Protein backbone atom coordinates (compact mmCIF):
# COMPACT_ATOMS: atom_id res chain seq x y z
CA MET A 1 20.03 20.69 -22.56
CA VAL A 2 17.82 22.82 -20.36
CA LYS A 3 19.55 24.25 -17.30
CA GLY A 4 18.52 25.98 -14.09
CA ARG A 5 14.98 26.57 -12.88
CA GLN A 6 13.59 26.10 -16.36
CA GLY A 7 15.03 22.57 -16.40
CA GLU A 8 13.34 21.82 -13.07
CA ARG A 9 10.05 23.04 -14.52
CA VAL A 10 10.46 20.84 -17.60
CA ARG A 11 11.16 17.78 -15.40
CA TYR A 12 8.12 18.58 -13.26
CA TYR A 13 5.81 18.77 -16.30
CA ALA A 14 7.24 15.48 -17.59
CA PHE A 15 6.47 13.95 -14.18
CA LEU A 16 2.89 15.25 -14.33
CA GLN A 17 2.35 13.72 -17.77
CA ASN A 18 3.70 10.28 -16.84
CA PRO A 19 4.15 9.71 -13.08
CA ASN A 20 4.79 5.96 -13.58
CA SER A 21 8.07 6.67 -15.35
CA ILE A 22 9.78 7.62 -12.06
CA LYS A 23 12.33 4.94 -11.07
CA SER A 24 13.48 6.28 -7.71
CA SER A 25 12.36 8.89 -5.23
CA SER A 26 15.46 10.97 -5.97
CA SER A 27 14.28 11.59 -9.54
CA ILE A 28 10.98 13.17 -8.42
CA PRO A 29 11.31 16.92 -8.86
CA ASN A 30 11.48 18.70 -5.53
CA VAL A 31 10.62 22.15 -6.87
CA LEU A 32 7.13 23.04 -8.00
CA PRO A 33 6.75 25.45 -10.89
CA SER A 34 7.25 28.95 -9.57
CA TYR A 35 4.36 30.51 -11.47
CA PHE A 36 1.05 29.51 -13.00
CA ARG A 37 -0.88 32.05 -15.07
CA LEU A 38 -4.55 31.89 -14.04
CA TYR A 39 -5.81 34.27 -16.69
CA THR A 40 -5.86 34.75 -20.44
CA ARG A 41 -4.24 37.78 -22.00
CA GLY A 42 -6.25 40.26 -23.99
CA THR A 43 -5.47 43.44 -25.90
CA VAL A 44 -7.50 46.65 -25.70
CA LEU A 45 -8.35 47.69 -29.26
CA GLY A 46 -10.29 50.87 -28.52
CA TYR A 47 -13.77 52.07 -27.73
CA LYS A 48 -16.96 50.91 -29.37
CA ARG A 49 -17.76 53.43 -32.08
CA SER A 50 -19.75 54.35 -35.14
CA LYS A 51 -18.64 56.48 -38.04
CA SER A 52 -18.87 59.77 -36.17
CA ASN A 53 -19.39 58.83 -32.50
CA GLN A 54 -17.42 56.79 -30.02
CA TYR A 55 -18.76 55.26 -26.85
CA PRO A 56 -16.03 55.22 -24.18
CA ASN A 57 -18.21 53.30 -21.71
CA THR A 58 -17.71 50.15 -23.83
CA SER A 59 -14.25 48.90 -24.78
CA LEU A 60 -13.31 46.41 -27.50
CA VAL A 61 -10.90 43.66 -26.43
CA GLN A 62 -9.22 40.90 -28.45
CA ILE A 63 -8.68 37.81 -26.26
CA GLU A 64 -5.76 35.55 -27.19
CA GLY A 65 -6.86 32.33 -28.87
CA VAL A 66 -10.46 33.46 -29.46
CA ASN A 67 -11.24 33.75 -33.16
CA THR A 68 -14.98 33.12 -33.57
CA LYS A 69 -18.25 34.33 -32.15
CA GLU A 70 -18.94 30.83 -30.78
CA GLU A 71 -15.70 30.82 -28.75
CA VAL A 72 -16.67 34.14 -27.18
CA SER A 73 -19.73 32.58 -25.53
CA TRP A 74 -17.54 30.89 -22.90
CA TYR A 75 -16.01 34.25 -21.92
CA GLN A 76 -19.30 36.13 -21.51
CA GLY A 77 -19.60 37.39 -17.95
CA LYS A 78 -15.93 36.70 -17.13
CA ARG A 79 -14.06 39.34 -15.14
CA MET A 80 -11.15 41.25 -16.59
CA ALA A 81 -8.60 43.64 -15.14
CA TYR A 82 -6.64 46.50 -16.68
CA ILE A 83 -3.53 46.87 -14.52
CA TYR A 84 -1.38 49.97 -14.83
CA LYS A 85 1.47 51.63 -12.98
CA ALA A 86 1.01 55.03 -11.32
CA LYS A 87 3.66 57.46 -10.15
CA VAL A 88 2.34 57.88 -6.59
CA LYS A 89 1.96 54.91 -4.24
CA ARG A 90 -1.52 54.14 -3.01
CA ASN A 91 -2.07 51.41 -0.40
CA GLY A 92 1.63 50.59 -0.57
CA SER A 93 1.74 49.88 -4.30
CA HIS A 94 2.42 51.72 -7.53
CA TYR A 95 0.08 49.36 -9.39
CA ARG A 96 -3.62 50.06 -9.81
CA CYS A 97 -6.43 48.12 -11.39
CA ILE A 98 -9.68 48.87 -13.21
CA TRP A 99 -12.08 45.92 -13.11
CA GLY A 100 -14.55 45.07 -15.84
CA LYS A 101 -16.39 42.19 -17.42
CA VAL A 102 -17.05 40.73 -20.86
CA THR A 103 -20.56 41.68 -21.96
CA ARG A 104 -21.01 40.30 -25.49
CA PRO A 105 -19.26 39.54 -28.79
CA HIS A 106 -18.45 42.29 -31.27
CA GLY A 107 -18.65 41.00 -34.83
CA ASN A 108 -17.73 37.51 -35.99
CA THR A 109 -13.97 37.42 -35.40
CA GLY A 110 -13.75 36.84 -31.64
CA ILE A 111 -13.53 40.44 -30.46
CA VAL A 112 -15.53 41.13 -27.28
CA ARG A 113 -17.21 44.16 -25.81
CA ALA A 114 -16.35 44.88 -22.19
CA LYS A 115 -17.62 47.34 -19.62
CA PHE A 116 -15.25 48.55 -16.93
CA LYS A 117 -16.07 50.08 -13.55
CA SER A 118 -14.68 53.37 -14.82
CA ASN A 119 -13.98 54.04 -18.48
CA LEU A 120 -10.55 52.95 -19.66
CA PRO A 121 -8.15 55.84 -20.30
CA PRO A 122 -7.02 56.46 -23.89
CA LYS A 123 -3.46 55.38 -23.02
CA SER A 124 -4.81 51.85 -22.44
CA MET A 125 -5.40 51.29 -26.16
CA GLY A 126 -3.01 48.63 -27.40
CA SER A 127 -2.13 47.51 -23.88
CA ARG A 128 -2.83 44.24 -22.08
CA VAL A 129 -5.75 43.22 -19.93
CA ARG A 130 -6.11 40.04 -17.89
CA VAL A 131 -9.22 37.97 -18.60
CA PHE A 132 -9.85 35.74 -15.59
CA MET A 133 -11.60 32.38 -15.67
CA TYR A 134 -14.29 33.32 -13.17
CA PRO A 135 -17.17 33.47 -12.52
CA SER A 136 -17.45 29.99 -14.00
CA ASN A 137 -20.61 28.03 -14.72
CA ILE A 138 -18.86 24.66 -15.12
């Protein structure tokens, strides 16, 4: 048995899948889901590099659910954001963002190369980025 807000969310999704199953107006969920994630998660792996050099202006990112070079083609040109927390507030928030975009695939396993407005700091390696679904050409 699912209780609380999670139960409301489950009922709402069941309603979306089969709206004809509703028998009375009282059984229609009155609460919309509180949160929709409009991005895909990615993980910063490091900088592009060779055996002896590294190129910090290009970062390597693994996007969740992307495992082949062909799947990367949909993400090319998509915007991504590295969001981090700073100690001092700026513009009323402790959170700051570095924007970037997917430039091309890196290898055959679904890893992408990304360029950010300013180079990602070394502490970002292993952390999350948000890969947004825009700009879209659909």
